């Protein structure tokens, strides 16, 4: 990886699939494995306007479990979505994931002082943050730590 954070070009925002392709090329990984894991264990949206990979988690569990898409939870014990990757228009989430609000929280990996730690917020607040142009991209290379 050339840079610490993925920096999409302005033209990438027009097509979520293209942004996803560029992110995974930058990260040196294959999106197909993550797509399959989220299709089996959570939510996968792969549309030109929105690419979303998320799965139900217990927000107070160990970090290694939360960020590892291969780790499965019993949904009855879950209280949050963990957003592994999202690109495109967050306002499309309710259209493609009608039950997005079934868990009160949604989380993702934060940078800055919370670097590499899952941060959870109310679902509606997470969508508002994403709508302000903050991309949610999680590099899972260290999921076993």
Foldseek 3Di string as FASTA:
>chain_A
DPDPDDDDDPVCQQFQQSVVVVVCVVLVHDCVVQQVLQVVAHDFDHGRQKTWRKHFDAQPDDLLQRQDSNRHDDNVNGQEIETQFMGHQLVCCCVRPVVNQVHQKYWAADDDPSHSGIDIDGPVVVSVVVNVVDGGHHNCPPSPD
